[in-house]
Amino acid sequence: MEFQEGDGTADVKANNPIYVGIGLIAAAVAFAVALILFEPDKPYQKTAPSSVAPVQRSSSAPGEVLLIRHGEEPKNGPDLNDQGRARANALVGLFEHPLMQPAQVFAAKSSKQSARPVQTCEPLAKAIGLTIDERFDEKDYKQLATAILQGEGAAGRTVMVCWKRETMPELATALGVANPPIEWPSEQYDHIWRISYAGGKVTMKDETQGIKLPGTEK
């Protein structure tokens, strides 16, 4: 039997459970495909740097390492902005007591893209009479960790490192931290990752600097 146009074929299909089921399945498949093809890009999230091996500490290793990010930056250019310079100057006040002053100061090597880590350390280094060690590029976190934990001159004392946020978790891992945060937030400039080696154990605390910048609530 043939169905001609207008002879009720549409009604038969609409009321037939088989046709209804096939239609629902087809709609679900089409929806799933649309989600896969048109899903918006998700923010990039770093994984924990589990592949980074910690550096062995020597008997001359420091008692603690302070990791900070460089100060605030402009939208363009390699230098600190006004708030960044204010933060760099205010860091001096955190180390006024001689027992709190770092024995060594490291900063990520300056480049055409950024001189901010070195600029952030300059006021403190000048105030306490230290030379900034800027031999290491931001990707040389393993070499830096080796220089800190197997070097001379800071046995039992404090070392300060001003680094870039992109490889801060890898640096912390190389320094012996088992489970560092998976990233340093892009808008965060006012924290310190304080790594302690007291009692032969490696612990890390994420602390705020407590610096109030002019014109901000920080």
C-alpha atoms as a PDB file:
ATOM      1  CA  MET A   1       0.000   0.000   0.000  1.00  0.00           C
ATOM      2  CA  GLU A   2       1.396   3.355  -0.984  1.00  0.00           C
ATOM      3  CA  PHE A   3       0.834   6.509   1.009  1.00  0.00           C
ATOM      4  CA  GLN A   4       0.131   9.637  -0.973  1.00  0.00           C
ATOM      5  CA  GLU A   5       0.722  13.182   0.191  1.00  0.00           C
ATOM      6  CA  GLY A   6      -1.886  14.149   2.719  1.00  0.00           C
ATOM      7  CA  ASP A   7      -2.972  10.588   3.377  1.00  0.00           C
ATOM      8  CA  GLY A   8      -1.955  10.653   7.112  1.00  0.00           C
ATOM      9  CA  THR A   9       1.582   9.279   6.867  1.00  0.00           C
ATOM     10  CA  ALA A  10       2.881  12.020   9.209  1.00  0.00           C
ATOM     11  CA  ASP A  11       0.254  11.159  11.803  1.00  0.00           C
ATOM     12  CA  VAL A  12       1.140   7.464  11.612  1.00  0.00           C
ATOM     13  CA  LYS A  13       4.831   8.200  12.178  1.00  0.00           C
ATOM     14  CA  ALA A  14       4.143  10.692  14.972  1.00  0.00           C
ATOM     15  CA  ASN A  15       2.033   8.163  16.853  1.00  0.00           C
ATOM     16  CA  ASN A  16       4.300   5.180  16.255  1.00  0.00           C
ATOM     17  CA  PRO A  17       6.562   4.486  19.301  1.00  0.00           C
ATOM     18  CA  ILE A  18       9.324   3.203  17.046  1.00  0.00           C
ATOM     19  CA  TYR A  19       9.494   6.433  15.079  1.00  0.00           C
ATOM     20  CA  VAL A  20       9.305   8.485  18.291  1.00  0.00           C
ATOM     21  CA  GLY A  21      12.202   6.536  19.817  1.00  0.00           C
ATOM     22  CA  ILE A  22      14.353   6.887  16.725  1.00  0.00           C
ATOM     23  CA  GLY A  23      13.681  10.620  16.678  1.00  0.00           C
ATOM     24  CA  LEU A  24      14.714  11.052  20.314  1.00  0.00           C
ATOM     25  CA  ILE A  25      17.938   9.100  19.799  1.00  0.00           C
ATOM     26  CA  ALA A  26      18.809  11.138  16.710  1.00  0.00           C
ATOM     27  CA  ALA A  27      18.218  14.380  18.603  1.00  0.00           C
ATOM     28  CA  ALA A  28      20.414  13.272  21.494  1.00  0.00           C
ATOM     29  CA  VAL A  29      23.255  12.289  19.153  1.00  0.00           C
ATOM     30  CA  ALA A  30      23.020  15.606  17.310  1.00  0.00           C
ATOM     31  CA  PHE A  31      23.128  17.501  20.615  1.00  0.00           C
ATOM     32  CA  ALA A  32      26.195  15.590  21.807  1.00  0.00           C
ATOM     33  CA  VAL A  33      28.009  16.249  18.543  1.00  0.00           C
ATOM     34  CA  ALA A  34      27.192  19.937  18.797  1.00  0.00           C
ATOM     35  CA  LEU A  35      28.664  20.098  22.312  1.00  0.00           C
ATOM     36  CA  ILE A  36      31.911  18.510  21.141  1.00  0.00           C
ATOM     37  CA  LEU A  37      32.276  20.711  18.079  1.00  0.00           C
ATOM     38  CA  PHE A  38      31.235  24.009  19.594  1.00  0.00           C
ATOM     39  CA  GLU A  39      32.402  23.745  23.230  1.00  0.00           C
ATOM     40  CA  PRO A  40      34.162  27.018  24.134  1.00  0.00           C
ATOM     41  CA  ASP A  41      37.869  26.928  24.976  1.00  0.00           C
ATOM     42  CA  LYS A  42      38.585  26.198  28.627  1.00  0.00           C
ATOM     43  CA  PRO A  43      41.232  28.126  30.594  1.00  0.00           C
ATOM     44  CA  TYR A  44      44.613  26.438  30.567  1.00  0.00           C
ATOM     45  CA  GLN A  45      45.364  24.683  33.847  1.00  0.00           C
ATOM     46  CA  LYS A  46      48.782  23.384  34.695  1.00  0.00           C
ATOM     47  CA  THR A  47      49.229  19.955  36.086  1.00  0.00           C
ATOM     48  CA  ALA A  48      51.295  19.385  39.203  1.00  0.00           C
ATOM     49  CA  PRO A  49      54.997  19.197  38.284  1.00  0.00           C
ATOM     50  CA  SER A  50      55.336  15.577  39.369  1.00  0.00           C
ATOM     51  CA  SER A  51      58.041  14.916  36.758  1.00  0.00           C
ATOM     52  CA  VAL A  52      60.461  17.355  38.428  1.00  0.00           C
ATOM     53  CA  ALA A  53      62.924  15.575  40.708  1.00  0.00           C
ATOM     54  CA  PRO A  54      63.896  17.355  43.944  1.00  0.00           C
ATOM     55  CA  VAL A  55      67.518  18.383  44.351  1.00  0.00           C
ATOM     56  CA  GLN A  56      69.524  16.689  47.097  1.00  0.00           C
ATOM     57  CA  ARG A  57      70.391  19.062  49.939  1.00  0.00           C
ATOM     58  CA  SER A  58      73.957  19.362  51.173  1.00  0.00           C
ATOM     59  CA  SER A  59      75.154  20.148  54.692  1.00  0.00           C
ATOM     60  CA  SER A  60      75.557  23.791  53.653  1.00  0.00           C
ATOM     61  CA  ALA A  61      71.922  24.161  52.539  1.00  0.00           C
ATOM     62  CA  PRO A  62      69.922  27.159  53.797  1.00  0.00           C
ATOM     63  CA  GLY A  63      67.406  26.886  56.613  1.00  0.00           C
ATOM     64  CA  GLU A  64      64.631  28.369  54.506  1.00  0.00           C
ATOM     65  CA  VAL A  65      63.956  29.676  51.016  1.00  0.00           C
ATOM     66  CA  LEU A  66      61.499  32.472  50.307  1.00  0.00           C
ATOM     67  CA  LEU A  67      59.921  32.474  46.857  1.00  0.00           C
ATOM     68  CA  ILE A  68      58.262  35.676  45.692  1.00  0.00           C
ATOM     69  CA  ARG A  69      56.933  36.832  42.375  1.00  0.00           C
ATOM     70  CA  HIS A  70      58.156  40.055  40.803  1.00  0.00           C
ATOM     71  CA  GLY A  71      56.139  43.208  41.443  1.00  0.00           C
ATOM     72  CA  GLU A  72      53.185  44.500  39.484  1.00  0.00           C
ATOM     73  CA  GLU A  73      53.583  44.997  35.740  1.00  0.00           C
ATOM     74  CA  PRO A  74      52.123  47.198  33.012  1.00  0.00           C
ATOM     75  CA  LYS A  75      50.164  45.845  30.068  1.00  0.00           C
ATOM     76  CA  ASN A  76      53.223  46.261  27.874  1.00  0.00           C
ATOM     77  CA  GLY A  77      56.949  46.597  28.475  1.00  0.00           C
ATOM     78  CA  PRO A  78      59.642  44.783  30.476  1.00  0.00           C
ATOM     79  CA  ASP A  79      59.656  46.967  33.591  1.00  0.00           C
ATOM     80  CA  LEU A  80      57.664  47.304  36.792  1.00  0.00           C
ATOM     81  CA  ASN A  81      54.786  49.745  36.908  1.00  0.00           C
ATOM     82  CA  ASP A  82      54.325  52.292  39.717  1.00  0.00           C
ATOM     83  CA  GLN A  83      52.766  49.744  42.066  1.00  0.00           C
ATOM     84  CA  GLY A  84      55.514  47.270  41.287  1.00  0.00           C
ATOM     85  CA  ARG A  85      58.198  49.800  42.158  1.00  0.00           C
ATOM     86  CA  ALA A  86      56.345  50.685  45.358  1.00  0.00           C
ATOM     87  CA  ARG A  87      56.247  46.987  46.284  1.00  0.00           C
ATOM     88  CA  ALA A  88      59.959  46.597  45.560  1.00  0.00           C
ATOM     89  CA  ASN A  89      60.756  49.485  47.892  1.00  0.00           C
ATOM     90  CA  ALA A  90      58.392  48.184  50.583  1.00  0.00           C
ATOM     91  CA  LEU A  91      60.053  44.745  50.591  1.00  0.00           C
ATOM     92  CA  VAL A  92      63.004  46.325  52.399  1.00  0.00           C
ATOM     93  CA  GLY A  93      60.801  46.814  55.451  1.00  0.00           C
ATOM     94  CA  LEU A  94      60.131  43.099  55.721  1.00  0.00           C
ATOM     95  CA  PHE A  95      63.815  42.401  56.405  1.00  0.00           C
ATOM     96  CA  GLU A  96      64.872  45.238  58.702  1.00  0.00           C
ATOM     97  CA  HIS A  97      66.042  42.936  61.495  1.00  0.00           C
ATOM     98  CA  PRO A  98      69.516  41.508  60.712  1.00  0.00           C
ATOM     99  CA  LEU A  99      68.462  37.983  61.695  1.00  0.00           C
ATOM    100  CA  MET A 100      65.686  38.073  59.092  1.00  0.00           C
ATOM    101  CA  GLN A 101      67.818  39.368  56.242  1.00  0.00           C
ATOM    102  CA  PRO A 102      68.558  36.876  53.464  1.00  0.00           C
ATOM    103  CA  ALA A 103      72.115  35.671  52.991  1.00  0.00           C
ATOM    104  CA  GLN A 104      71.589  35.386  49.241  1.00  0.00           C
ATOM    105  CA  VAL A 105      69.190  36.967  46.744  1.00  0.00           C
ATOM    106  CA  PHE A 106      68.401  35.328  43.419  1.00  0.00           C
ATOM    107  CA  ALA A 107      66.298  36.729  40.584  1.00  0.00           C
ATOM    108  CA  ALA A 108      65.282  35.371  37.188  1.00  0.00           C
ATOM    109  CA  LYS A 109      67.623  36.620  34.483  1.00  0.00           C
ATOM    110  CA  SER A 110      66.534  39.831  32.776  1.00  0.00           C
ATOM    111  CA  SER A 111      65.464  39.678  29.141  1.00  0.00           C
ATOM    112  CA  LYS A 112      63.903  41.926  26.527  1.00  0.00           C
ATOM    113  CA  GLN A 113      60.529  40.683  27.717  1.00  0.00           C
ATOM    114  CA  SER A 114      61.039  41.230  31.450  1.00  0.00           C
ATOM    115  CA  ALA A 115      63.525  42.804  33.828  1.00  0.00           C
ATOM    116  CA  ARG A 116      60.976  42.795  36.646  1.00  0.00           C
ATOM    117  CA  PRO A 117      62.434  40.089  38.941  1.00  0.00           C
ATOM    118  CA  VAL A 118      65.780  41.903  39.159  1.00  0.00           C
ATOM    119  CA  GLN A 119      64.085  45.282  39.548  1.00  0.00           C
ATOM    120  CA  THR A 120      61.965  43.903  42.387  1.00  0.00           C
ATOM    121  CA  CYS A 121      65.066  42.817  44.316  1.00  0.00           C
ATOM    122  CA  GLU A 122      67.227  45.885  43.726  1.00  0.00           C
ATOM    123  CA  PRO A 123      66.080  48.033  46.686  1.00  0.00           C
ATOM    124  CA  LEU A 124      66.448  45.146  49.163  1.00  0.00           C
ATOM    125  CA  ALA A 125      69.815  44.028  47.805  1.00  0.00           C
ATOM    126  CA  LYS A 126      71.114  47.581  48.009  1.00  0.00           C
ATOM    127  CA  ALA A 127      69.803  48.057  51.559  1.00  0.00           C
ATOM    128  CA  ILE A 128      71.484  44.903  52.929  1.00  0.00           C
ATOM    129  CA  GLY A 129      74.599  45.054  50.781  1.00  0.00           C
ATOM    130  CA  LEU A 130      74.092  41.992  48.588  1.00  0.00           C
ATOM    131  CA  THR A 131      74.627  41.378  44.883  1.00  0.00           C
ATOM    132  CA  ILE A 132      71.657  39.877  43.049  1.00  0.00           C
ATOM    133  CA  ASP A 133      72.472  36.537  41.464  1.00  0.00           C
ATOM    134  CA  GLU A 134      70.685  36.598  38.106  1.00  0.00           C
ATOM    135  CA  ARG A 135      72.521  33.817  36.283  1.00  0.00           C
ATOM    136  CA  PHE A 136      69.478  31.649  35.761  1.00  0.00           C
ATOM    137  CA  ASP A 137      66.692  31.954  33.223  1.00  0.00           C
ATOM    138  CA  GLU A 138      63.132  31.216  34.392  1.00  0.00           C
ATOM    139  CA  LYS A 139      63.307  27.750  32.816  1.00  0.00           C
ATOM    140  CA  ASP A 140      66.546  26.958  34.662  1.00  0.00           C
ATOM    141  CA  TYR A 141      64.739  26.168  37.907  1.00  0.00           C
ATOM    142  CA  LYS A 142      66.631  22.893  38.399  1.00  0.00           C
ATOM    143  CA  GLN A 143      69.999  24.646  38.092  1.00  0.00           C
ATOM    144  CA  LEU A 144      68.848  27.354  40.479  1.00  0.00           C
ATOM    145  CA  ALA A 145      67.660  24.791  43.038  1.00  0.00           C
ATOM    146  CA  THR A 146      71.044  23.062  42.798  1.00  0.00           C
ATOM    147  CA  ALA A 147      72.875  26.360  43.369  1.00  0.00           C
ATOM    148  CA  ILE A 148      70.741  27.040  46.436  1.00  0.00           C
ATOM    149  CA  LEU A 149      70.703  23.611  48.076  1.00  0.00           C
ATOM    150  CA  GLN A 150      74.264  22.580  47.222  1.00  0.00           C
ATOM    151  CA  GLY A 151      76.007  25.943  47.204  1.00  0.00           C
ATOM    152  CA  GLU A 152      77.976  27.786  49.857  1.00  0.00           C
ATOM    153  CA  GLY A 153      77.304  30.939  51.819  1.00  0.00           C
ATOM    154  CA  ALA A 154      73.802  30.438  53.205  1.00  0.00           C
ATOM    155  CA  ALA A 155      74.111  27.431  55.527  1.00  0.00           C
ATOM    156  CA  GLY A 156      71.174  27.456  57.914  1.00  0.00           C
ATOM    157  CA  ARG A 157      70.160  30.963  56.839  1.00  0.00           C
ATOM    158  CA  THR A 158      67.545  32.463  54.524  1.00  0.00           C
ATOM    159  CA  VAL A 159      67.675  32.676  50.736  1.00  0.00           C
ATOM    160  CA  MET A 160      65.229  34.871  48.800  1.00  0.00           C
ATOM    161  CA  VAL A 161      64.277  34.144  45.200  1.00  0.00           C
ATOM    162  CA  CYS A 162      62.264  36.488  42.971  1.00  0.00           C
ATOM    163  CA  TRP A 163      60.907  34.444  40.100  1.00  0.00           C
ATOM    164  CA  LYS A 164      58.213  34.321  37.427  1.00  0.00           C
ATOM    165  CA  ARG A 165      54.910  32.678  38.164  1.00  0.00           C
ATOM    166  CA  GLU A 166      54.888  30.312  35.171  1.00  0.00           C
ATOM    167  CA  THR A 167      57.598  28.021  36.576  1.00  0.00           C
ATOM    168  CA  MET A 168      57.203  28.744  40.289  1.00  0.00           C
ATOM    169  CA  PRO A 169      55.625  25.304  41.025  1.00  0.00           C
ATOM    170  CA  GLU A 170      58.497  23.539  39.242  1.00  0.00           C
ATOM    171  CA  LEU A 171      61.041  25.559  41.232  1.00  0.00           C
ATOM    172  CA  ALA A 172      59.283  24.711  44.500  1.00  0.00           C
ATOM    173  CA  THR A 173      59.295  21.023  43.564  1.00  0.00           C
ATOM    174  CA  ALA A 174      63.006  21.124  42.697  1.00  0.00           C
ATOM    175  CA  LEU A 175      63.586  22.691  46.115  1.00  0.00           C
ATOM    176  CA  GLY A 176      61.968  19.655  47.736  1.00  0.00           C
ATOM    177  CA  VAL A 177      58.317  20.635  48.196  1.00  0.00           C
ATOM    178  CA  ALA A 178      56.210  17.515  47.687  1.00  0.00           C
ATOM    179  CA  ASN A 179      52.878  19.081  46.736  1.00  0.00           C
ATOM    180  CA  PRO A 180      53.204  22.745  45.796  1.00  0.00           C
ATOM    181  CA  PRO A 181      50.228  24.668  44.392  1.00  0.00           C
ATOM    182  CA  ILE A 182      49.738  23.806  40.729  1.00  0.00           C
ATOM    183  CA  GLU A 183      50.054  27.459  39.747  1.00  0.00           C
ATOM    184  CA  TRP A 184      50.765  30.949  40.981  1.00  0.00           C
ATOM    185  CA  PRO A 185      47.621  33.001  40.149  1.00  0.00           C
ATOM    186  CA  SER A 186      48.148  35.574  37.409  1.00  0.00           C
ATOM    187  CA  GLU A 187      46.763  38.480  39.466  1.00  0.00           C
ATOM    188  CA  GLN A 188      48.693  37.618  42.640  1.00  0.00           C
ATOM    189  CA  TYR A 189      51.803  39.618  43.502  1.00  0.00           C
ATOM    190  CA  ASP A 190      51.643  39.876  47.298  1.00  0.00           C
ATOM    191  CA  HIS A 191      52.434  36.344  48.477  1.00  0.00           C
ATOM    192  CA  ILE A 192      55.484  34.487  49.741  1.00  0.00           C
ATOM    193  CA  TRP A 193      56.028  30.771  49.450  1.00  0.00           C
ATOM    194  CA  ARG A 194      58.096  30.087  52.576  1.00  0.00           C
ATOM    195  CA  ILE A 195      59.970  26.787  52.289  1.00  0.00           C
ATOM    196  CA  SER A 196      61.483  25.501  55.541  1.00  0.00           C
ATOM    197  CA  TYR A 197      64.020  22.711  56.062  1.00  0.00           C
ATOM    198  CA  ALA A 198      63.766  22.603  59.862  1.00  0.00           C
ATOM    199  CA  GLY A 199      64.347  19.205  61.405  1.00  0.00           C
ATOM    200  CA  GLY A 200      65.277  17.679  58.089  1.00  0.00           C
ATOM    201  CA  LYS A 201      61.702  18.024  56.823  1.00  0.00           C
ATOM    202  CA  VAL A 202      60.574  20.176  53.904  1.00  0.00           C
ATOM    203  CA  THR A 203      57.439  22.225  54.520  1.00  0.00           C
ATOM    204  CA  MET A 204      55.934  25.150  52.652  1.00  0.00           C
ATOM    205  CA  LYS A 205      53.569  27.911  53.773  1.00  0.00           C
ATOM    206  CA  ASP A 206      51.786  30.276  51.410  1.00  0.00           C
ATOM    207  CA  GLU A 207      51.825  33.632  53.202  1.00  0.00           C
ATOM    208  CA  THR A 208      50.910  37.203  52.334  1.00  0.00           C
ATOM    209  CA  GLN A 209      53.585  39.879  52.386  1.00  0.00           C
ATOM    210  CA  GLY A 210      51.423  42.252  54.390  1.00  0.00           C
ATOM    211  CA  ILE A 211      52.509  45.216  52.279  1.00  0.00           C
ATOM    212  CA  LYS A 212      50.066  48.112  51.847  1.00  0.00           C
ATOM    213  CA  LEU A 213      50.670  49.880  48.572  1.00  0.00           C
ATOM    214  CA  PRO A 214      49.695  53.538  48.057  1.00  0.00           C
ATOM    215  CA  GLY A 215      46.216  53.807  46.602  1.00  0.00           C
ATOM    216  CA  THR A 216      45.286  50.154  47.235  1.00  0.00           C
ATOM    217  CA  GLU A 217      43.846  48.088  50.058  1.00  0.00           C
ATOM    218  CA  LYS A 218      46.735  45.610  49.894  1.00  0.00           C
END
